[in-house]
PDB file of N, CA and C in Angstrom:
ATOM      1  N   MET A   1      99.412 106.776  78.092  1.00  0.00           N
ATOM      2  CA  MET A   1     100.775 106.771  78.416  1.00  0.00           C
ATOM      3  C   MET A   1     101.442 105.582  77.793  1.00  0.00           C
ATOM      4  N   GLU A   2     102.443 105.936  77.064  1.00  0.00           N
ATOM      5  CA  GLU A   2     103.043 105.372  76.204  1.00  0.00           C
ATOM      6  C   GLU A   2     104.299 104.413  77.087  1.00  0.00           C
ATOM      7  N   TRP A   3     104.096 103.233  77.277  1.00  0.00           N
ATOM      8  CA  TRP A   3     105.126 102.639  78.239  1.00  0.00           C
ATOM      9  C   TRP A   3     106.483 102.405  77.147  1.00  0.00           C
ATOM     10  N   THR A   4     107.763 102.704  77.786  1.00  0.00           N
ATOM     11  CA  THR A   4     108.902 102.307  77.092  1.00  0.00           C
ATOM     12  C   THR A   4     109.268 100.976  77.599  1.00  0.00           C
ATOM     13  N   GLU A   5     110.271 100.442  77.061  1.00  0.00           N
ATOM     14  CA  GLU A   5     110.786  99.193  77.603  1.00  0.00           C
ATOM     15  C   GLU A   5     111.466  99.290  78.991  1.00  0.00           C
ATOM     16  N   LYS A   6     112.212 100.279  79.259  1.00  0.00           N
ATOM     17  CA  LYS A   6     112.526 100.667  80.639  1.00  0.00           C
ATOM     18  C   LYS A   6     111.741 100.747  81.281  1.00  0.00           C
ATOM     19  N   ALA A   7     110.582 101.449  81.324  1.00  0.00           N
ATOM     20  CA  ALA A   7     109.781 101.538  82.429  1.00  0.00           C
ATOM     21  C   ALA A   7     108.686 100.496  82.415  1.00  0.00           C
ATOM     22  N   THR A   8     108.712  99.683  81.455  1.00  0.00           N
ATOM     23  CA  THR A   8     107.722  98.326  81.400  1.00  0.00           C
ATOM     24  C   THR A   8     108.727  97.347  82.380  1.00  0.00           C
ATOM     25  N   GLU A   9     110.332  97.281  82.130  1.00  0.00           N
ATOM     26  CA  GLU A   9     110.870  96.870  82.760  1.00  0.00           C
ATOM     27  C   GLU A   9     110.992  97.220  84.504  1.00  0.00           C
ATOM     28  N   THR A  10     111.111  98.456  84.753  1.00  0.00           N
ATOM     29  CA  THR A  10     110.894  99.259  86.180  1.00  0.00           C
ATOM     30  C   THR A  10     109.791  98.577  86.696  1.00  0.00           C
ATOM     31  N   LEU A  11     108.464  98.699  86.281  1.00  0.00           N
ATOM     32  CA  LEU A  11     107.418  98.219  86.556  1.00  0.00           C
ATOM     33  C   LEU A  11     107.234  96.881  86.999  1.00  0.00           C
ATOM     34  N   ARG A  12     107.972  96.054  86.204  1.00  0.00           N
ATOM     35  CA  ARG A  12     107.888  94.552  86.475  1.00  0.00           C
ATOM     36  C   ARG A  12     109.080  94.101  87.706  1.00  0.00           C
ATOM     37  N   ARG A  13     109.835  94.851  87.743  1.00  0.00           N
ATOM     38  CA  ARG A  13     110.712  94.547  88.859  1.00  0.00           C
ATOM     39  C   ARG A  13     110.278  94.577  90.080  1.00  0.00           C
ATOM     40  N   LEU A  14     109.805  96.134  90.068  1.00  0.00           N
ATOM     41  CA  LEU A  14     109.269  96.997  91.701  1.00  0.00           C
ATOM     42  C   LEU A  14     107.743  95.973  91.818  1.00  0.00           C
ATOM     43  N   TRP A  15     106.988  95.729  90.670  1.00  0.00           N
ATOM     44  CA  TRP A  15     105.728  94.780  91.128  1.00  0.00           C
ATOM     45  C   TRP A  15     106.139  93.592  91.784  1.00  0.00           C
ATOM     46  N   LEU A  16     106.850  92.876  91.257  1.00  0.00           N
ATOM     47  CA  LEU A  16     107.511  91.527  91.866  1.00  0.00           C
ATOM     48  C   LEU A  16     108.276  91.591  93.306  1.00  0.00           C
ATOM     49  N   LYS A  17     108.622  92.944  93.524  1.00  0.00           N
ATOM     50  CA  LYS A  17     109.101  92.914  94.775  1.00  0.00           C
ATOM     51  C   LYS A  17     108.343  93.419  95.955  1.00  0.00           C
ATOM     52  N   GLY A  18     106.639  93.333  95.268  1.00  0.00           N
ATOM     53  CA  GLY A  18     105.546  93.506  96.220  1.00  0.00           C
ATOM     54  C   GLY A  18     105.878  95.514  96.751  1.00  0.00           C
ATOM     55  N   ILE A  19     106.202  95.985  95.612  1.00  0.00           N
ATOM     56  CA  ILE A  19     106.350  97.526  95.971  1.00  0.00           C
ATOM     57  C   ILE A  19     104.579  98.087  95.879  1.00  0.00           C
ATOM     58  N   PRO A  20     103.792  98.670  96.160  1.00  0.00           N
ATOM     59  CA  PRO A  20     102.594  99.193  96.073  1.00  0.00           C
ATOM     60  C   PRO A  20     102.359 100.021  94.549  1.00  0.00           C
ATOM     61  N   ALA A  21     101.290  99.947  93.594  1.00  0.00           N
ATOM     62  CA  ALA A  21     100.900 100.432  92.495  1.00  0.00           C
ATOM     63  C   ALA A  21     101.293 101.728  92.682  1.00  0.00           C
ATOM     64  N   ARG A  22     100.942 102.636  93.809  1.00  0.00           N
ATOM     65  CA  ARG A  22     101.248 103.721  93.781  1.00  0.00           C
ATOM     66  C   ARG A  22     102.377 104.460  93.829  1.00  0.00           C
ATOM     67  N   GLU A  23     103.114 103.794  94.583  1.00  0.00           N
ATOM     68  CA  GLU A  23     104.560 103.990  95.090  1.00  0.00           C
ATOM     69  C   GLU A  23     105.264 103.655  93.504  1.00  0.00           C
ATOM     70  N   ILE A  24     104.840 102.497  92.654  1.00  0.00           N
ATOM     71  CA  ILE A  24     105.681 102.360  91.267  1.00  0.00           C
ATOM     72  C   ILE A  24     105.647 103.682  90.597  1.00  0.00           C
ATOM     73  N   GLY A  25     104.140 103.801  90.468  1.00  0.00           N
ATOM     74  CA  GLY A  25     103.599 105.166  89.181  1.00  0.00           C
ATOM     75  C   GLY A  25     104.594 106.272  89.893  1.00  0.00           C
ATOM     76  N   HIS A  26     104.741 106.767  91.205  1.00  0.00           N
ATOM     77  CA  HIS A  26     105.513 107.882  91.786  1.00  0.00           C
ATOM     78  C   HIS A  26     106.800 107.676  91.430  1.00  0.00           C
ATOM     79  N   ARG A  27     107.624 106.511  91.313  1.00  0.00           N
ATOM     80  CA  ARG A  27     108.815 106.103  91.109  1.00  0.00           C
ATOM     81  C   ARG A  27     109.221 106.304  89.597  1.00  0.00           C
ATOM     82  N   LEU A  28     107.922 106.101  88.905  1.00  0.00           N
ATOM     83  CA  LEU A  28     108.094 106.250  87.228  1.00  0.00           C
ATOM     84  C   LEU A  28     107.562 107.571  86.615  1.00  0.00           C
ATOM     85  N   GLY A  29     107.688 108.618  87.643  1.00  0.00           N
ATOM     86  CA  GLY A  29     107.496 109.910  87.290  1.00  0.00           C
ATOM     87  C   GLY A  29     106.159 110.097  87.405  1.00  0.00           C
ATOM     88  N   GLY A  30     105.226 109.701  87.971  1.00  0.00           N
ATOM     89  CA  GLY A  30     104.168 110.405  88.574  1.00  0.00           C
ATOM     90  C   GLY A  30     102.793 109.948  87.478  1.00  0.00           C
ATOM     91  N   ILE A  31     103.112 108.416  87.422  1.00  0.00           N
ATOM     92  CA  ILE A  31     101.935 107.858  86.535  1.00  0.00           C
ATOM     93  C   ILE A  31     100.867 107.520  87.701  1.00  0.00           C
ATOM     94  N   SER A  32      99.962 107.271  87.079  1.00  0.00           N
ATOM     95  CA  SER A  32      98.765 107.247  88.164  1.00  0.00           C
ATOM     96  C   SER A  32      98.700 105.471  88.528  1.00  0.00           C
ATOM     97  N   ARG A  33      97.947 105.353  89.429  1.00  0.00           N
ATOM     98  CA  ARG A  33      98.082 104.020  90.120  1.00  0.00           C
ATOM     99  C   ARG A  33      97.527 103.003  89.077  1.00  0.00           C
ATOM    100  N   ASN A  34      96.042 103.355  88.564  1.00  0.00           N
ATOM    101  CA  ASN A  34      95.709 102.604  87.852  1.00  0.00           C
ATOM    102  C   ASN A  34      96.003 102.388  86.321  1.00  0.00           C
ATOM    103  N   ALA A  35      96.919 103.240  86.132  1.00  0.00           N
ATOM    104  CA  ALA A  35      97.950 102.907  84.731  1.00  0.00           C
ATOM    105  C   ALA A  35      99.135 101.854  84.927  1.00  0.00           C
ATOM    106  N   VAL A  36      99.655 102.104  86.177  1.00  0.00           N
ATOM    107  CA  VAL A  36     100.489 100.837  86.797  1.00  0.00           C
ATOM    108  C   VAL A  36      99.587  99.412  86.741  1.00  0.00           C
ATOM    109  N   ILE A  37      98.471  99.502  87.454  1.00  0.00           N
ATOM    110  CA  ILE A  37      97.464  98.421  87.787  1.00  0.00           C
ATOM    111  C   ILE A  37      97.282  97.615  86.533  1.00  0.00           C
ATOM    112  N   GLY A  38      97.030  98.605  85.357  1.00  0.00           N
ATOM    113  CA  GLY A  38      96.230  98.129  83.868  1.00  0.00           C
ATOM    114  C   GLY A  38      97.384  97.414  83.448  1.00  0.00           C
ATOM    115  N   LYS A  39      98.842  98.355  83.473  1.00  0.00           N
ATOM    116  CA  LYS A  39      99.789  97.645  82.496  1.00  0.00           C
ATOM    117  C   LYS A  39     100.020  96.193  83.336  1.00  0.00           C
ATOM    118  N   ALA A  40     100.254  96.228  84.648  1.00  0.00           N
ATOM    119  CA  ALA A  40     100.494  95.006  85.329  1.00  0.00           C
ATOM    120  C   ALA A  40      99.768  94.013  84.954  1.00  0.00           C
ATOM    121  N   HIS A  41      98.207  93.834  84.830  1.00  0.00           N
ATOM    122  CA  HIS A  41      97.727  92.937  84.211  1.00  0.00           C
ATOM    123  C   HIS A  41      97.917  92.768  83.001  1.00  0.00           C
ATOM    124  N   ARG A  42      98.060  93.909  81.935  1.00  0.00           N
ATOM    125  CA  ARG A  42      98.371  93.229  80.674  1.00  0.00           C
ATOM    126  C   ARG A  42      99.394  92.717  80.322  1.00  0.00           C
ATOM    127  N   LEU A  43     100.501  92.588  81.418  1.00  0.00           N
ATOM    128  CA  LEU A  43     101.925  92.166  81.560  1.00  0.00           C
ATOM    129  C   LEU A  43     101.738  90.812  82.050  1.00  0.00           C
ATOM    130  N   GLY A  44     100.411  90.324  82.626  1.00  0.00           N
ATOM    131  CA  GLY A  44     100.201  88.844  83.553  1.00  0.00           C
ATOM    132  C   GLY A  44     100.769  88.926  84.701  1.00  0.00           C
ATOM    133  N   LEU A  45     101.289  89.984  85.370  1.00  0.00           N
ATOM    134  CA  LEU A  45     101.728  89.851  86.514  1.00  0.00           C
ATOM    135  C   LEU A  45     100.593  89.452  87.586  1.00  0.00           C
ATOM    136  N   SER A  46     101.150  88.792  88.630  1.00  0.00           N
ATOM    137  CA  SER A  46      99.959  88.277  89.290  1.00  0.00           C
ATOM    138  C   SER A  46      99.460  89.461  90.331  1.00  0.00           C
ATOM    139  N   LYS A  47      98.177  89.258  91.009  1.00  0.00           N
ATOM    140  CA  LYS A  47      97.799  90.516  91.710  1.00  0.00           C
ATOM    141  C   LYS A  47      98.576  90.087  93.075  1.00  0.00           C
ATOM    142  N   GLN A  48      98.569  91.512  93.154  1.00  0.00           N
ATOM    143  CA  GLN A  48      99.541  91.850  94.493  1.00  0.00           C
ATOM    144  C   GLN A  48      98.573  91.598  95.809  1.00  0.00           C
ATOM    145  N   ASN A  49      99.083  91.225  97.115  1.00  0.00           N
ATOM    146  CA  ASN A  49      98.779  91.276  98.093  1.00  0.00           C
ATOM    147  C   ASN A  49      98.297  92.449  99.034  1.00  0.00           C
ATOM    148  N   SER A  50      97.386  92.534  99.715  1.00  0.00           N
ATOM    149  CA  SER A  50      97.036  94.366 100.219  1.00  0.00           C
ATOM    150  C   SER A  50      98.200  93.855 101.298  1.00  0.00           C
ATOM    151  N   ALA A  51      98.459  95.358 101.826  1.00  0.00           N
ATOM    152  CA  ALA A  51      99.524  95.525 102.917  1.00  0.00           C
ATOM    153  C   ALA A  51      99.363  95.017 104.199  1.00  0.00           C
ATOM    154  N   ALA A  52      97.851  94.852 104.344  1.00  0.00           N
ATOM    155  CA  ALA A  52      97.633  93.855 105.445  1.00  0.00           C
ATOM    156  C   ALA A  52      97.965  92.524 105.386  1.00  0.00           C
ATOM    157  N   ASP A  53      97.923  92.057 104.141  1.00  0.00           N
ATOM    158  CA  ASP A  53      98.022  90.527 104.111  1.00  0.00           C
ATOM    159  C   ASP A  53      99.919  90.179 103.936  1.00  0.00           C
ATOM    160  N   SER A  54     100.574  91.203 104.164  1.00  0.00           N
ATOM    161  CA  SER A  54     102.107  90.924 103.621  1.00  0.00           C
ATOM    162  C   SER A  54     103.155  91.987 104.460  1.00  0.00           C
ATOM    163  N   GLN A  55     103.960  91.515 104.832  1.00  0.00           N
ATOM    164  CA  GLN A  55     105.010  92.386 105.482  1.00  0.00           C
ATOM    165  C   GLN A  55     105.623  93.102 104.182  1.00  0.00           C
ATOM    166  N   PRO A  56     105.947  94.864 104.598  1.00  0.00           N
ATOM    167  CA  PRO A  56     106.843  95.472 103.639  1.00  0.00           C
ATOM    168  C   PRO A  56     108.124  94.916 103.326  1.00  0.00           C
ATOM    169  N   SER A  57     108.201  94.936 102.120  1.00  0.00           N
ATOM    170  CA  SER A  57     109.747  94.372 101.467  1.00  0.00           C
ATOM    171  C   SER A  57     110.451  95.721 101.546  1.00  0.00           C
ATOM    172  N   GLN A  58     110.290  96.645 101.937  1.00  0.00           N
ATOM    173  CA  GLN A  58     111.007  97.497 102.222  1.00  0.00           C
ATOM    174  C   GLN A  58     111.583  97.557 103.661  1.00  0.00           C
ATOM    175  N   THR A  59     113.095  98.678 103.678  1.00  0.00           N
ATOM    176  CA  THR A  59     113.076  99.129 105.326  1.00  0.00           C
ATOM    177  C   THR A  59     111.980  99.691 105.711  1.00  0.00           C
ATOM    178  N   ILE A  60     111.640  99.611 107.038  1.00  0.00           N
ATOM    179  CA  ILE A  60     110.635 100.495 107.909  1.00  0.00           C
ATOM    180  C   ILE A  60     111.552 101.513 108.049  1.00  0.00           C
ATOM    181  N   ILE A  61     110.637 102.760 107.566  1.00  0.00           N
ATOM    182  CA  ILE A  61     111.421 103.953 108.128  1.00  0.00           C
ATOM    183  C   ILE A  61     110.655 104.599 109.491  1.00  0.00           C
ATOM    184  N   THR A  62     111.844 104.401 110.462  1.00  0.00           N
ATOM    185  CA  THR A  62     111.753 104.954 111.760  1.00  0.00           C
ATOM    186  C   THR A  62     112.367 106.361 111.983  1.00  0.00           C
ATOM    187  N   THR A  63     112.051 106.938 113.130  1.00  0.00           N
ATOM    188  CA  THR A  63     112.334 108.296 113.796  1.00  0.00           C
ATOM    189  C   THR A  63     114.020 107.679 113.525  1.00  0.00           C
ATOM    190  N   ALA A  64     114.528 106.815 113.858  1.00  0.00           N
ATOM    191  CA  ALA A  64     116.371 106.474 114.088  1.00  0.00           C
ATOM    192  C   ALA A  64     116.642 106.603 112.539  1.00  0.00           C
ATOM    193  N   ASN A  65     116.002 105.978 111.600  1.00  0.00           N
ATOM    194  CA  ASN A  65     116.763 106.033 110.139  1.00  0.00           C
ATOM    195  C   ASN A  65     116.054 107.010 108.935  1.00  0.00           C
ATOM    196  N   LEU A  66     115.154 107.853 109.543  1.00  0.00           N
ATOM    197  CA  LEU A  66     114.401 109.223 108.844  1.00  0.00           C
ATOM    198  C   LEU A  66     115.465 109.924 108.715  1.00  0.00           C
ATOM    199  N   THR A  67     115.581 110.386 107.601  1.00  0.00           N
ATOM    200  CA  THR A  67     116.584 111.496 107.010  1.00  0.00           C
ATOM    201  C   THR A  67     115.822 112.518 106.502  1.00  0.00           C
ATOM    202  N   ASP A  68     116.747 113.958 106.509  1.00  0.00           N
ATOM    203  CA  ASP A  68     115.936 115.255 105.997  1.00  0.00           C
ATOM    204  C   ASP A  68     115.202 115.127 104.678  1.00  0.00           C
ATOM    205  N   ARG A  69     115.677 114.185 103.886  1.00  0.00           N
ATOM    206  CA  ARG A  69     115.231 114.418 102.334  1.00  0.00           C
ATOM    207  C   ARG A  69     113.884 113.471 102.337  1.00  0.00           C
ATOM    208  N   MET A  70     113.573 112.637 103.347  1.00  0.00           N
ATOM    209  CA  MET A  70     112.485 111.651 103.206  1.00  0.00           C
ATOM    210  C   MET A  70     111.152 112.277 103.827  1.00  0.00           C
ATOM    211  N   CYS A  71     110.245 111.756 102.986  1.00  0.00           N
ATOM    212  CA  CYS A  71     108.918 112.229 103.362  1.00  0.00           C
ATOM    213  C   CYS A  71     108.510 111.581 105.044  1.00  0.00           C
ATOM    214  N   ARG A  72     107.908 112.678 105.777  1.00  0.00           N
ATOM    215  CA  ARG A  72     107.720 112.285 106.875  1.00  0.00           C
ATOM    216  C   ARG A  72     106.484 111.908 107.283  1.00  0.00           C
ATOM    217  N   TRP A  73     105.608 111.650 106.263  1.00  0.00           N
ATOM    218  CA  TRP A  73     103.901 111.348 107.011  1.00  0.00           C
ATOM    219  C   TRP A  73     104.106 110.013 107.570  1.00  0.00           C
ATOM    220  N   PRO A  74     103.090 109.783 108.705  1.00  0.00           N
ATOM    221  CA  PRO A  74     103.241 108.938 109.373  1.00  0.00           C
ATOM    222  C   PRO A  74     102.497 107.892 109.143  1.00  0.00           C
ATOM    223  N   ILE A  75     102.588 106.714 109.093  1.00  0.00           N
ATOM    224  CA  ILE A  75     101.949 105.504 108.474  1.00  0.00           C
ATOM    225  C   ILE A  75     101.622 104.629 109.936  1.00  0.00           C
ATOM    226  N   GLY A  76     100.197 104.467 110.086  1.00  0.00           N
ATOM    227  CA  GLY A  76      99.982 103.576 111.294  1.00  0.00           C
ATOM    228  C   GLY A  76      99.744 104.726 112.433  1.00  0.00           C
ATOM    229  N   HIS A  77      99.846 104.150 113.571  1.00  0.00           N
ATOM    230  CA  HIS A  77      99.737 104.809 114.995  1.00  0.00           C
ATOM    231  C   HIS A  77     100.888 104.679 115.828  1.00  0.00           C
ATOM    232  N   PRO A  78     101.521 105.600 116.437  1.00  0.00           N
ATOM    233  CA  PRO A  78     102.794 105.450 117.215  1.00  0.00           C
ATOM    234  C   PRO A  78     102.190 104.868 118.380  1.00  0.00           C
ATOM    235  N   GLY A  79     103.282 103.860 118.885  1.00  0.00           N
ATOM    236  CA  GLY A  79     103.279 103.427 120.084  1.00  0.00           C
ATOM    237  C   GLY A  79     102.752 101.641 119.368  1.00  0.00           C
ATOM    238  N   GLU A  80     102.317 101.732 118.261  1.00  0.00           N
ATOM    239  CA  GLU A  80     101.579 100.153 117.907  1.00  0.00           C
ATOM    240  C   GLU A  80     102.536  99.786 116.837  1.00  0.00           C
ATOM    241  N   PRO A  81     102.681  98.306 117.133  1.00  0.00           N
ATOM    242  CA  PRO A  81     103.906  97.833 116.073  1.00  0.00           C
ATOM    243  C   PRO A  81     103.485  98.107 114.561  1.00  0.00           C
ATOM    244  N   GLY A  82     104.602  98.249 114.061  1.00  0.00           N
ATOM    245  CA  GLY A  82     104.740  98.581 112.490  1.00  0.00           C
ATOM    246  C   GLY A  82     104.230 100.025 111.979  1.00  0.00           C
ATOM    247  N   PHE A  83     104.358 100.934 113.206  1.00  0.00           N
ATOM    248  CA  PHE A  83     104.603 102.419 112.949  1.00  0.00           C
ATOM    249  C   PHE A  83     105.695 102.785 112.285  1.00  0.00           C
ATOM    250  N   ARG A  84     105.431 103.670 111.481  1.00  0.00           N
ATOM    251  CA  ARG A  84     106.546 104.147 110.306  1.00  0.00           C
ATOM    252  C   ARG A  84     105.925 105.306 109.597  1.00  0.00           C
ATOM    253  N   PHE A  85     107.188 105.732 108.854  1.00  0.00           N
ATOM    254  CA  PHE A  85     106.898 107.117 107.850  1.00  0.00           C
ATOM    255  C   PHE A  85     107.193 106.647 106.620  1.00  0.00           C
ATOM    256  N   CYS A  86     106.664 107.447 105.692  1.00  0.00           N
ATOM    257  CA  CYS A  86     106.542 107.108 104.221  1.00  0.00           C
ATOM    258  C   CYS A  86     107.874 107.075 103.772  1.00  0.00           C
ATOM    259  N   GLY A  87     108.944 107.817 104.080  1.00  0.00           N
ATOM    260  CA  GLY A  87     110.378 107.740 103.457  1.00  0.00           C
ATOM    261  C   GLY A  87     110.736 107.822 102.316  1.00  0.00           C
ATOM    262  N   VAL A  88     109.483 107.932 101.130  1.00  0.00           N
ATOM    263  CA  VAL A  88     109.823 108.528  99.715  1.00  0.00           C
ATOM    264  C   VAL A  88     110.732 109.933  99.653  1.00  0.00           C
ATOM    265  N   PRO A  89     111.264 109.944  98.429  1.00  0.00           N
ATOM    266  CA  PRO A  89     111.916 111.620  98.327  1.00  0.00           C
ATOM    267  C   PRO A  89     110.830 112.575  98.899  1.00  0.00           C
ATOM    268  N   ARG A  90     110.960 113.275  99.426  1.00  0.00           N
ATOM    269  CA  ARG A  90     109.861 114.706  99.647  1.00  0.00           C
ATOM    270  C   ARG A  90     110.031 115.713  98.589  1.00  0.00           C
ATOM    271  N   ILE A  91     109.292 116.776  98.380  1.00  0.00           N
ATOM    272  CA  ILE A  91     108.857 117.781  97.410  1.00  0.00           C
ATOM    273  C   ILE A  91     109.837 118.775  98.112  1.00  0.00           C
ATOM    274  N   GLY A  92     111.075 119.363  97.536  1.00  0.00           N
ATOM    275  CA  GLY A  92     111.551 120.756  97.893  1.00  0.00           C
ATOM    276  C   GLY A  92     111.554 121.090  99.554  1.00  0.00           C
ATOM    277  N   SER A  93     111.111 121.979  99.961  1.00  0.00           N
ATOM    278  CA  SER A  93     111.327 122.093 101.394  1.00  0.00           C
ATOM    279  C   SER A  93     109.919 121.577 102.116  1.00  0.00           C
ATOM    280  N   ARG A  94     109.049 120.903 101.352  1.00  0.00           N
ATOM    281  CA  ARG A  94     107.940 120.225 102.265  1.00  0.00           C
ATOM    282  C   ARG A  94     108.361 119.271 102.848  1.00  0.00           C
ATOM    283  N   PRO A  95     107.516 118.937 103.955  1.00  0.00           N
ATOM    284  CA  PRO A  95     107.923 117.760 104.521  1.00  0.00           C
ATOM    285  C   PRO A  95     107.591 116.155 104.180  1.00  0.00           C
ATOM    286  N   TYR A  96     106.663 116.531 102.845  1.00  0.00           N
ATOM    287  CA  TYR A  96     105.778 115.139 102.282  1.00  0.00           C
ATOM    288  C   TYR A  96     106.365 115.075 100.757  1.00  0.00           C
ATOM    289  N   CYS A  97     106.158 113.956 100.534  1.00  0.00           N
ATOM    290  CA  CYS A  97     106.549 113.139  98.977  1.00  0.00           C
ATOM    291  C   CYS A  97     104.886 114.022  98.259  1.00  0.00           C
ATOM    292  N   ARG A  98     105.140 114.023  97.232  1.00  0.00           N
ATOM    293  CA  ARG A  98     104.254 114.156  96.285  1.00  0.00           C
ATOM    294  C   ARG A  98     102.452 113.933  96.954  1.00  0.00           C
ATOM    295  N   GLU A  99     102.409 112.606  96.674  1.00  0.00           N
ATOM    296  CA  GLU A  99     101.376 112.186  97.105  1.00  0.00           C
ATOM    297  C   GLU A  99     100.930 112.402  98.361  1.00  0.00           C
ATOM    298  N   HIS A 100     101.688 112.780  99.516  1.00  0.00           N
ATOM    299  CA  HIS A 100     101.308 113.292 100.712  1.00  0.00           C
ATOM    300  C   HIS A 100     101.110 114.514 100.973  1.00  0.00           C
ATOM    301  N   CYS A 101     101.881 115.290  99.782  1.00  0.00           N
ATOM    302  CA  CYS A 101     101.236 116.694  99.727  1.00  0.00           C
ATOM    303  C   CYS A 101      99.764 117.077  99.626  1.00  0.00           C
ATOM    304  N   SER A 102      99.675 116.315  98.393  1.00  0.00           N
ATOM    305  CA  SER A 102      98.006 116.313  97.824  1.00  0.00           C
ATOM    306  C   SER A 102      97.312 116.043  98.745  1.00  0.00           C
ATOM    307  N   MET A 103      97.549 115.395  99.997  1.00  0.00           N
ATOM    308  CA  MET A 103      96.464 114.987 101.149  1.00  0.00           C
ATOM    309  C   MET A 103      96.524 115.983 102.050  1.00  0.00           C
ATOM    310  N   ALA A 104      97.737 116.470 102.313  1.00  0.00           N
ATOM    311  CA  ALA A 104      98.189 117.602 103.567  1.00  0.00           C
ATOM    312  C   ALA A 104      97.503 118.779 103.032  1.00  0.00           C
ATOM    313  N   TYR A 105      97.990 119.271 101.870  1.00  0.00           N
ATOM    314  CA  TYR A 105      97.711 120.758 101.286  1.00  0.00           C
ATOM    315  C   TYR A 105      96.316 120.819 100.565  1.00  0.00           C
ATOM    316  N   ARG A 106      95.503 121.628 100.808  1.00  0.00           N
ATOM    317  CA  ARG A 106      94.323 122.102  99.849  1.00  0.00           C
ATOM    318  C   ARG A 106      94.635 123.129  99.297  1.00  0.00           C
ATOM    319  N   GLY A 107      94.219 123.076  97.940  1.00  0.00           N
ATOM    320  CA  GLY A 107      94.564 124.121  96.852  1.00  0.00           C
ATOM    321  C   GLY A 107      93.036 125.018  96.920  1.00  0.00           C
ATOM    322  N   LYS A 108      93.558 126.748  96.315  1.00  0.00           N
ATOM    323  CA  LYS A 108      92.636 127.678  96.911  1.00  0.00           C
ATOM    324  C   LYS A 108      91.200 126.942  96.194  1.00  0.00           C
ATOM    325  N   SER A 109      90.893 126.236  94.954  1.00  0.00           N
ATOM    326  CA  SER A 109      89.585 126.136  94.646  1.00  0.00           C
ATOM    327  C   SER A 109      88.951 124.955  95.813  1.00  0.00           C
ATOM    328  N   ASP A 110      89.779 124.377  96.775  1.00  0.00           N
ATOM    329  CA  ASP A 110      89.248 123.427  97.560  1.00  0.00           C
ATOM    330  C   ASP A 110      88.748 124.271  98.781  1.00  0.00           C
ATOM    331  N   GLU A 111      89.516 125.280  99.231  1.00  0.00           N
ATOM    332  CA  GLU A 111      89.355 126.167 100.271  1.00  0.00           C
ATOM    333  C   GLU A 111      87.785 126.365 100.285  1.00  0.00           C
ATOM    334  N   ALA A 112      87.102 127.006  98.941  1.00  0.00           N
ATOM    335  CA  ALA A 112      85.929 127.520  99.004  1.00  0.00           C
ATOM    336  C   ALA A 112      84.809 126.594  98.991  1.00  0.00           C
ATOM    337  N   ALA A 113      85.172 125.371  98.829  1.00  0.00           N
ATOM    338  CA  ALA A 113      83.934 124.279  99.013  1.00  0.00           C
ATOM    339  C   ALA A 113      83.425 124.119 100.237  1.00  0.00           C
TER     340      ALA A 113
END
């Protein structure tokens, strides 16, 4: 991965906002989580707290503010505090974003296993 100045600045801005590395990679066009973490380390950015240690910095996506274009992957357990939906832009007509589609759907090679 060759990091452009724009991509590096976007990574830095999102990292400092507390956006998870996987989400940063998704927003940067499908860069892996590990590539994002490696670049953040080389930039000297401090380690992010785990989701359990901090409140999300983004709006919590609930059924009240979930739109047709947002990923509908549930996060947490219904009825418990903090339950929400992913909310990242979904892929085409599928109900989920790229990351959650990869977890929800199996390829033909996976079915044979």
